[in-house]
N, C-alpha and C. Protein backbone atom coordinates (compact mmCIF):
# COMPACT_ATOMS: atom_id res chain seq x y z
N MET A 1 85.76 187.09 30.00
CA MET A 1 84.60 187.73 30.57
C MET A 1 84.33 187.10 31.94
N ILE A 2 83.99 187.94 32.91
CA ILE A 2 83.72 187.44 34.25
C ILE A 2 82.22 187.42 34.48
N ILE A 3 81.76 186.30 35.00
CA ILE A 3 80.34 186.06 35.27
C ILE A 3 80.14 185.98 36.78
N VAL A 4 79.04 186.55 37.25
CA VAL A 4 78.67 186.48 38.66
C VAL A 4 77.56 185.44 38.80
N VAL A 5 77.76 184.50 39.72
CA VAL A 5 76.76 183.46 40.00
C VAL A 5 76.30 183.65 41.44
N GLU A 6 75.03 183.94 41.62
CA GLU A 6 74.49 184.20 42.97
C GLU A 6 73.54 183.08 43.38
N ASN A 7 73.28 183.02 44.68
CA ASN A 7 72.33 182.07 45.26
C ASN A 7 72.80 180.62 45.11
N ILE A 8 74.08 180.40 45.32
CA ILE A 8 74.66 179.06 45.19
C ILE A 8 74.28 178.22 46.41
N PRO A 9 73.73 177.02 46.19
CA PRO A 9 73.35 176.17 47.33
C PRO A 9 74.57 175.70 48.11
N PRO A 10 74.40 175.39 49.40
CA PRO A 10 75.53 175.02 50.26
C PRO A 10 76.35 173.83 49.78
N ARG A 11 75.74 172.89 49.13
CA ARG A 11 76.47 171.69 48.71
C ARG A 11 77.12 171.81 47.33
N MET A 12 77.00 172.95 46.71
CA MET A 12 77.61 173.15 45.40
C MET A 12 78.96 173.83 45.60
N GLY A 13 80.02 173.06 45.43
CA GLY A 13 81.37 173.58 45.62
C GLY A 13 81.95 174.18 44.35
N ARG A 14 83.17 174.65 44.47
CA ARG A 14 83.87 175.30 43.35
C ARG A 14 84.00 174.40 42.14
N LEU A 15 84.27 173.11 42.36
CA LEU A 15 84.43 172.18 41.23
C LEU A 15 83.12 171.96 40.49
N ARG A 16 82.01 171.92 41.22
CA ARG A 16 80.71 171.76 40.56
C ARG A 16 80.32 173.01 39.79
N VAL A 17 80.67 174.17 40.32
CA VAL A 17 80.41 175.42 39.59
C VAL A 17 81.22 175.42 38.31
N ARG A 18 82.50 175.06 38.41
CA ARG A 18 83.36 174.99 37.22
C ARG A 18 82.81 174.03 36.18
N ALA A 19 82.39 172.84 36.62
CA ALA A 19 81.87 171.83 35.70
C ALA A 19 80.62 172.32 34.97
N ALA A 20 79.75 173.04 35.67
CA ALA A 20 78.53 173.56 35.05
C ALA A 20 78.87 174.53 33.92
N PHE A 21 79.89 175.35 34.11
CA PHE A 21 80.26 176.35 33.10
C PHE A 21 81.15 175.78 32.01
N GLU A 22 81.92 174.75 32.29
CA GLU A 22 82.80 174.15 31.28
C GLU A 22 82.01 173.49 30.15
N LYS A 23 80.75 173.21 30.36
CA LYS A 23 79.90 172.67 29.29
C LYS A 23 79.75 173.67 28.15
N TYR A 24 80.00 174.95 28.42
CA TYR A 24 79.79 176.00 27.43
C TYR A 24 81.09 176.60 26.91
N GLY A 25 82.23 176.23 27.50
CA GLY A 25 83.51 176.75 27.02
C GLY A 25 84.59 176.66 28.08
N GLN A 26 85.74 177.21 27.74
CA GLN A 26 86.89 177.15 28.63
C GLN A 26 86.73 178.11 29.81
N VAL A 27 86.92 177.57 31.02
CA VAL A 27 86.86 178.36 32.25
C VAL A 27 88.28 178.60 32.72
N ARG A 28 88.65 179.86 32.89
CA ARG A 28 90.00 180.19 33.36
C ARG A 28 90.12 180.07 34.86
N ASN A 29 89.09 180.53 35.59
CA ASN A 29 89.18 180.56 37.04
C ASN A 29 87.79 180.63 37.65
N VAL A 30 87.65 180.09 38.85
CA VAL A 30 86.41 180.18 39.62
C VAL A 30 86.77 180.59 41.04
N GLN A 31 86.12 181.62 41.54
CA GLN A 31 86.32 182.09 42.92
C GLN A 31 84.97 181.96 43.62
N LEU A 32 84.90 181.14 44.66
CA LEU A 32 83.66 180.93 45.41
C LEU A 32 83.78 181.65 46.75
N LEU A 33 82.81 182.50 47.06
CA LEU A 33 82.85 183.32 48.26
C LEU A 33 81.60 183.12 49.11
N THR A 34 81.75 183.28 50.42
CA THR A 34 80.62 183.22 51.34
C THR A 34 80.62 184.47 52.19
N ASP A 35 79.49 185.15 52.25
CA ASP A 35 79.36 186.33 53.10
C ASP A 35 79.28 185.84 54.54
N PRO A 36 80.22 186.20 55.41
CA PRO A 36 80.23 185.68 56.77
C PRO A 36 79.02 186.11 57.61
N ARG A 37 78.40 187.22 57.26
CA ARG A 37 77.23 187.68 58.02
C ARG A 37 75.96 186.98 57.60
N THR A 38 75.72 186.88 56.30
CA THR A 38 74.44 186.32 55.82
C THR A 38 74.55 184.87 55.40
N ARG A 39 75.77 184.37 55.22
CA ARG A 39 76.05 183.01 54.74
C ARG A 39 75.62 182.81 53.28
N ASN A 40 75.25 183.90 52.58
CA ASN A 40 74.94 183.80 51.15
C ASN A 40 76.22 183.49 50.39
N ARG A 41 76.11 182.68 49.35
CA ARG A 41 77.29 182.28 48.58
C ARG A 41 77.17 182.80 47.15
N LEU A 42 78.31 183.21 46.60
CA LEU A 42 78.36 183.61 45.21
C LEU A 42 79.69 183.19 44.62
N ALA A 43 79.74 183.16 43.30
CA ALA A 43 80.97 182.79 42.62
C ALA A 43 81.24 183.78 41.49
N TYR A 44 82.52 183.96 41.21
CA TYR A 44 82.95 184.66 40.01
C TYR A 44 83.56 183.62 39.10
N VAL A 45 83.08 183.56 37.88
CA VAL A 45 83.59 182.60 36.90
C VAL A 45 84.21 183.38 35.76
N ASP A 46 85.46 183.14 35.48
CA ASP A 46 86.18 183.82 34.40
C ASP A 46 86.25 182.88 33.20
N MET A 47 85.57 183.25 32.11
CA MET A 47 85.58 182.44 30.89
C MET A 47 86.40 183.14 29.82
N SER A 48 87.07 182.33 28.98
CA SER A 48 87.97 182.88 27.96
C SER A 48 87.26 183.65 26.86
N GLU A 49 86.20 183.08 26.33
CA GLU A 49 85.51 183.67 25.18
C GLU A 49 84.20 184.31 25.59
N GLU A 50 83.98 185.53 25.12
CA GLU A 50 82.76 186.25 25.46
C GLU A 50 81.52 185.54 24.93
N SER A 51 81.58 185.00 23.73
CA SER A 51 80.40 184.32 23.16
C SER A 51 80.03 183.08 23.98
N GLU A 52 81.03 182.35 24.46
CA GLU A 52 80.76 181.17 25.29
C GLU A 52 80.17 181.60 26.64
N ALA A 53 80.68 182.70 27.17
CA ALA A 53 80.17 183.21 28.45
C ALA A 53 78.72 183.65 28.31
N GLU A 54 78.39 184.33 27.22
CA GLU A 54 77.01 184.76 26.99
C GLU A 54 76.07 183.56 26.87
N GLU A 55 76.52 182.50 26.20
CA GLU A 55 75.71 181.29 26.09
C GLU A 55 75.49 180.66 27.47
N ALA A 56 76.54 180.59 28.26
CA ALA A 56 76.44 180.03 29.61
C ALA A 56 75.46 180.84 30.46
N ILE A 57 75.52 182.15 30.36
CA ILE A 57 74.60 183.00 31.12
C ILE A 57 73.16 182.70 30.70
N GLY A 58 72.92 182.64 29.41
CA GLY A 58 71.57 182.38 28.91
C GLY A 58 71.03 181.02 29.33
N GLN A 59 71.89 180.02 29.35
CA GLN A 59 71.45 178.66 29.67
C GLN A 59 71.34 178.41 31.18
N LEU A 60 72.21 179.03 31.97
CA LEU A 60 72.27 178.70 33.40
C LEU A 60 71.51 179.66 34.31
N ASP A 61 71.16 180.85 33.83
CA ASP A 61 70.41 181.77 34.67
C ASP A 61 69.04 181.17 34.99
N GLY A 62 68.77 180.96 36.26
CA GLY A 62 67.51 180.36 36.69
C GLY A 62 67.55 178.85 36.79
N ALA A 63 68.68 178.24 36.39
CA ALA A 63 68.80 176.77 36.49
C ALA A 63 68.79 176.37 37.96
N VAL A 64 68.26 175.17 38.23
CA VAL A 64 68.12 174.70 39.61
C VAL A 64 69.24 173.72 39.93
N PHE A 65 69.98 174.02 41.00
CA PHE A 65 71.03 173.13 41.51
C PHE A 65 70.73 172.90 42.99
N GLY A 66 70.63 171.65 43.39
CA GLY A 66 70.37 171.34 44.79
C GLY A 66 69.08 171.95 45.32
N GLY A 67 68.08 172.06 44.46
CA GLY A 67 66.80 172.62 44.87
C GLY A 67 66.75 174.14 44.92
N THR A 68 67.82 174.80 44.46
CA THR A 68 67.90 176.26 44.50
C THR A 68 68.16 176.80 43.10
N ALA A 69 67.37 177.80 42.70
CA ALA A 69 67.59 178.45 41.40
C ALA A 69 68.72 179.46 41.54
N ILE A 70 69.75 179.31 40.70
CA ILE A 70 70.88 180.24 40.74
C ILE A 70 70.61 181.43 39.83
N ARG A 71 71.26 182.55 40.13
CA ARG A 71 71.17 183.74 39.29
C ARG A 71 72.54 183.94 38.65
N VAL A 72 72.55 184.09 37.34
CA VAL A 72 73.80 184.21 36.60
C VAL A 72 73.74 185.48 35.76
N SER A 73 74.79 186.32 35.87
CA SER A 73 74.82 187.56 35.11
C SER A 73 76.27 187.95 34.81
N ARG A 74 76.40 188.88 33.90
CA ARG A 74 77.72 189.40 33.54
C ARG A 74 78.17 190.39 34.61
N LEU A 75 79.46 190.35 34.96
CA LEU A 75 80.00 191.30 35.94
C LEU A 75 80.04 192.69 35.33
N VAL A 76 79.51 193.64 36.06
CA VAL A 76 79.58 195.04 35.64
C VAL A 76 80.47 195.73 36.67
N ALA A 77 81.67 196.08 36.23
CA ALA A 77 82.65 196.71 37.13
C ALA A 77 83.16 197.98 36.49
N GLY A 78 83.75 198.83 37.32
CA GLY A 78 84.22 200.12 36.84
C GLY A 78 85.43 200.05 35.92
N SER A 79 86.33 199.11 36.16
CA SER A 79 87.54 199.07 35.35
C SER A 79 88.04 197.64 35.19
N GLU A 80 88.87 197.43 34.20
CA GLU A 80 89.47 196.11 33.97
C GLU A 80 90.33 195.71 35.16
N ASN A 81 90.97 196.68 35.80
CA ASN A 81 91.81 196.41 36.96
C ASN A 81 90.97 195.83 38.11
N GLU A 82 89.76 196.35 38.33
CA GLU A 82 88.87 195.82 39.36
C GLU A 82 88.53 194.36 39.05
N ARG A 83 88.26 194.06 37.80
CA ARG A 83 87.91 192.69 37.41
C ARG A 83 89.06 191.74 37.70
N ARG A 84 90.28 192.16 37.42
CA ARG A 84 91.43 191.29 37.68
C ARG A 84 91.62 191.06 39.16
N ASN A 85 91.32 192.05 39.99
CA ASN A 85 91.53 191.94 41.43
C ASN A 85 90.59 190.95 42.10
N ILE A 86 89.48 190.61 41.46
CA ILE A 86 88.55 189.64 42.04
C ILE A 86 89.27 188.33 42.33
N PHE A 87 90.17 187.93 41.45
CA PHE A 87 90.84 186.65 41.60
C PHE A 87 92.16 186.75 42.36
N ASN A 88 92.50 187.92 42.86
CA ASN A 88 93.74 188.10 43.61
C ASN A 88 93.48 188.55 45.04
N ARG A 89 92.42 188.06 45.65
CA ARG A 89 92.04 188.51 46.99
C ARG A 89 92.65 187.68 48.10
N GLY A 90 93.41 186.70 47.82
CA GLY A 90 93.91 185.84 48.89
C GLY A 90 93.06 184.60 48.94
N GLY A 91 92.61 184.23 50.08
CA GLY A 91 91.81 183.02 50.15
C GLY A 91 91.04 182.93 51.43
N TYR A 92 90.57 181.78 51.71
CA TYR A 92 89.87 181.46 52.94
C TYR A 92 88.51 182.10 53.03
N GLY A 93 87.85 182.41 51.90
CA GLY A 93 86.46 182.82 51.87
C GLY A 93 86.22 184.24 52.33
N GLY A 94 84.96 184.62 52.36
CA GLY A 94 84.56 185.95 52.80
C GLY A 94 84.66 186.97 51.70
N TYR A 95 83.77 187.95 51.70
CA TYR A 95 83.80 188.99 50.68
C TYR A 95 85.02 189.88 50.80
N GLU A 96 85.60 189.97 51.98
CA GLU A 96 86.74 190.86 52.16
C GLU A 96 88.02 190.09 52.41
N GLY A 97 88.13 188.90 51.82
CA GLY A 97 89.36 188.15 51.94
C GLY A 97 89.33 187.09 53.00
N GLY A 98 88.43 187.20 53.97
CA GLY A 98 88.29 186.17 54.99
C GLY A 98 89.48 186.13 55.93
N SER A 99 89.60 185.03 56.65
CA SER A 99 90.72 184.87 57.57
C SER A 99 91.23 183.44 57.49
N ARG A 100 92.34 183.19 58.11
CA ARG A 100 92.90 181.86 58.11
C ARG A 100 92.27 180.97 59.17
N GLY A 101 91.34 181.50 59.92
CA GLY A 101 90.72 180.70 60.97
C GLY A 101 91.62 180.67 62.19
N GLY A 102 91.42 179.69 63.04
CA GLY A 102 92.24 179.58 64.23
C GLY A 102 91.73 180.46 65.34
N VAL A 103 92.54 180.65 66.34
CA VAL A 103 92.14 181.39 67.53
C VAL A 103 93.00 182.63 67.66
N THR A 104 92.36 183.75 67.90
CA THR A 104 93.09 184.97 68.18
C THR A 104 93.13 185.14 69.68
N ARG A 105 94.33 185.23 70.24
CA ARG A 105 94.47 185.34 71.68
C ARG A 105 94.76 186.79 72.05
N VAL A 106 94.10 187.24 73.07
CA VAL A 106 94.28 188.61 73.54
C VAL A 106 94.84 188.55 74.95
N TYR A 107 95.97 189.20 75.18
CA TYR A 107 96.57 189.24 76.50
C TYR A 107 95.80 190.24 77.34
N ARG A 108 95.24 189.79 78.47
CA ARG A 108 94.39 190.63 79.29
C ARG A 108 95.05 190.99 80.63
N GLY A 109 96.34 190.84 80.73
CA GLY A 109 97.02 191.15 81.99
C GLY A 109 97.13 189.92 82.86
N GLY A 110 97.78 190.05 84.00
CA GLY A 110 97.95 188.89 84.87
C GLY A 110 99.01 187.96 84.29
N SER A 111 98.96 186.71 84.70
CA SER A 111 99.95 185.76 84.18
C SER A 111 99.57 185.37 82.75
N ARG A 112 100.57 185.02 81.96
CA ARG A 112 100.38 184.76 80.54
C ARG A 112 99.36 183.68 80.22
N GLY A 113 99.20 182.68 81.04
CA GLY A 113 98.26 181.60 80.74
C GLY A 113 96.85 181.87 81.20
N ALA A 114 96.64 182.90 81.96
CA ALA A 114 95.32 183.15 82.55
C ALA A 114 94.36 183.73 81.52
N GLY A 115 93.10 183.32 81.61
CA GLY A 115 92.06 183.91 80.80
C GLY A 115 91.88 183.32 79.43
N PHE A 116 92.62 182.28 79.08
CA PHE A 116 92.49 181.71 77.74
C PHE A 116 91.64 180.49 77.79
């Protein structure tokens, strides 16, 4: 079962999210994302057993981490295939897969070194 965790404080990383949910059962995967426009953070937590996931939702919804109350709910998606794709998005953050960072250079004419 996949759980959505919203309103994650800035100092709560993927390992801390995993540790919070492992108290209630086996965690298969955790994906932590940041919206590049709003800087809001959310996580998808994949737990093996539905009963353990339901207990985690009940216990952690509204719990305070780093001075911020998190929101925890069950993922409601259209198909099982959509749920699987959450964990196959690549990496480097962002709701749409993010980027590898670095500098994108655009050639603007003139000599190759000019304008950078």
